[in-house]
Amino acid sequence: QVQLVESGGGSVQAGGSLRLSCAASGGIDSVNCMAWFRQAPGEEREGVAVRYTGGGRIYLADSVKGRFTISQDNAKNTVYLQMNSLKPEDTAMYYCAAAYGSCAGPYTSLQQYWYEYWGQGTQVTVSS
């Protein structure tokens, strides 16, 4: 059973930066696709960033391209979401997700149904 624990959320002013961390444990040897999703109040959960941990392939949602990056530290079994130039519309609960096997194409990999495991989330609030 894969466990995912997010950290690094908080409150920041517009234009600021945050780095989220997702520490994975338990049966992760077969996990090759990890992602970050976010959900604002009253909105559906949306995919933000995906990384194929077996090869480095990355997908980013259009809304965050040029501002967010996703990276990994294999020694720590951790995936990061570096968020720069934050906007009030980035305010949401951010979730880490993991899938067995490879990532799919960019559209599918940004959909919730691709992922079997989820963390509890970490809140990001951006004030104007």
Protein backbone atom coordinates (compact mmCIF):
# COMPACT_ATOMS: atom_id res chain seq x y z
CA GLN A 1 0.00 0.00 0.00
CA VAL A 2 1.48 3.31 -1.07
CA GLN A 3 1.33 6.19 1.39
CA LEU A 4 1.73 9.79 0.29
CA VAL A 5 2.31 12.68 2.67
CA GLU A 6 2.27 16.25 1.43
CA SER A 7 3.87 19.22 3.13
CA GLY A 8 4.94 22.76 2.37
CA GLY A 9 1.63 24.51 1.96
CA GLY A 10 0.92 27.88 3.50
CA SER A 11 -0.14 31.45 2.90
CA VAL A 12 1.75 33.73 0.55
CA GLN A 13 1.18 37.00 -1.23
CA ALA A 14 0.68 37.16 -4.97
CA GLY A 15 3.98 36.93 -6.80
CA GLY A 16 5.51 34.78 -4.09
CA SER A 17 6.75 31.20 -4.18
CA LEU A 18 6.15 27.94 -2.35
CA ARG A 19 7.59 24.46 -2.68
CA LEU A 20 5.37 21.52 -1.92
CA SER A 21 6.79 18.12 -1.04
CA CYS A 22 5.24 14.69 -1.40
CA ALA A 23 6.98 11.89 0.48
CA ALA A 24 6.08 8.41 -0.76
CA SER A 25 6.47 5.14 1.11
CA GLY A 26 5.25 1.54 1.02
CA GLY A 27 5.28 -0.42 -2.23
CA ILE A 28 6.59 2.40 -4.34
CA ASP A 29 8.90 0.27 -6.47
CA SER A 30 6.15 -0.12 -9.08
CA VAL A 31 5.06 3.52 -8.96
CA ASN A 32 6.33 5.32 -12.04
CA CYS A 33 3.89 8.18 -12.40
CA MET A 34 3.37 10.88 -9.80
CA ALA A 35 1.33 14.03 -10.01
CA TRP A 36 0.02 17.06 -8.27
CA PHE A 37 -3.64 18.02 -8.37
CA ARG A 38 -5.49 20.90 -6.80
CA GLN A 39 -9.04 21.61 -5.77
CA ALA A 40 -10.49 24.99 -4.94
CA PRO A 41 -13.75 25.29 -2.99
CA GLY A 42 -16.70 24.52 -5.22
CA GLU A 43 -14.47 23.40 -8.06
CA GLU A 44 -13.50 20.04 -9.46
CA ARG A 45 -10.09 18.61 -8.77
CA GLU A 46 -7.73 19.46 -11.60
CA GLY A 47 -4.37 18.07 -12.63
CA VAL A 48 -1.50 20.52 -12.30
CA ALA A 49 1.74 18.66 -12.94
CA VAL A 50 2.83 15.13 -13.76
CA ARG A 51 6.21 13.46 -13.69
CA TYR A 52 7.15 10.06 -15.05
CA THR A 53 9.56 9.08 -12.29
CA GLY A 54 11.11 6.35 -14.43
CA GLY A 55 12.26 8.67 -17.16
CA GLY A 56 11.69 12.31 -16.28
CA ARG A 57 8.87 13.06 -18.75
CA ILE A 58 6.82 15.99 -17.45
CA TYR A 59 3.39 17.39 -18.22
CA LEU A 60 2.06 20.70 -16.91
CA ALA A 61 -1.40 22.20 -17.05
CA ASP A 62 -1.59 25.26 -19.29
CA SER A 63 -2.56 27.41 -16.31
CA VAL A 64 0.78 26.81 -14.58
CA LYS A 65 3.25 26.52 -17.45
CA GLY A 66 6.16 28.87 -16.99
CA ARG A 67 5.43 29.19 -13.25
CA PHE A 68 5.38 25.68 -11.74
CA THR A 69 7.87 22.86 -12.04
CA ILE A 70 7.79 19.27 -10.80
CA SER A 71 10.91 17.43 -9.74
CA GLN A 72 11.95 14.36 -7.78
CA ASP A 73 14.57 13.20 -5.34
CA ASN A 74 14.89 9.44 -5.70
CA ALA A 75 17.02 9.09 -2.58
CA LYS A 76 14.21 10.60 -0.51
CA ASN A 77 11.32 9.08 -2.48
CA THR A 78 9.98 12.59 -2.71
CA VAL A 79 8.38 14.61 -5.48
CA TYR A 80 8.32 18.39 -5.34
CA LEU A 81 6.12 21.07 -6.82
CA GLN A 82 7.93 24.38 -7.09
CA MET A 83 5.40 27.16 -7.48
CA ASN A 84 6.60 30.61 -8.53
CA SER A 85 4.76 33.81 -9.44
CA LEU A 86 1.76 32.62 -7.48
CA LYS A 87 -1.64 34.13 -8.21
CA PRO A 88 -4.80 34.31 -6.08
CA GLU A 89 -6.39 31.81 -8.47
CA ASP A 90 -3.77 29.27 -7.43
CA THR A 91 -5.45 29.11 -4.01
CA ALA A 92 -6.57 25.51 -3.43
CA MET A 93 -5.93 22.30 -1.57
CA TYR A 94 -3.05 20.57 -3.32
CA TYR A 95 -2.93 16.79 -3.49
CA CYS A 96 -0.18 14.39 -4.42
CA ALA A 97 -1.14 11.31 -6.43
CA ALA A 98 0.63 8.15 -7.54
CA ALA A 99 -0.06 5.56 -10.22
CA TYR A 100 1.41 2.15 -10.87
CA GLY A 101 3.08 1.78 -14.21
CA SER A 102 3.98 4.51 -16.60
CA CYS A 103 2.23 7.81 -17.13
CA ALA A 104 -0.19 8.05 -20.02
CA GLY A 105 -0.27 10.88 -22.53
CA PRO A 106 -0.57 14.46 -21.33
CA TYR A 107 -4.38 14.61 -21.30
CA THR A 108 -4.96 11.31 -19.48
CA SER A 109 -2.10 11.81 -17.05
CA LEU A 110 -3.77 14.98 -15.80
CA GLN A 111 -7.03 13.15 -15.00
CA GLN A 112 -7.88 11.86 -11.52
CA TYR A 113 -8.88 8.40 -12.72
CA TRP A 114 -5.31 7.57 -13.73
CA TYR A 115 -4.15 7.49 -10.11
CA GLU A 116 -4.66 4.82 -7.45
CA TYR A 117 -3.18 6.58 -4.44
CA TRP A 118 -3.72 9.99 -2.95
CA GLY A 119 -2.35 12.04 -0.10
CA GLN A 120 -4.41 14.05 2.35
CA GLY A 121 -3.58 17.39 0.81
CA THR A 122 -1.87 20.61 1.83
CA GLN A 123 -3.53 24.03 1.65
CA VAL A 124 -2.10 26.84 -0.44
CA THR A 125 -3.57 30.33 -0.03
CA VAL A 126 -2.45 33.23 -2.19
CA SER A 127 -3.58 36.71 -1.23
CA SER A 128 -3.68 39.70 -3.55
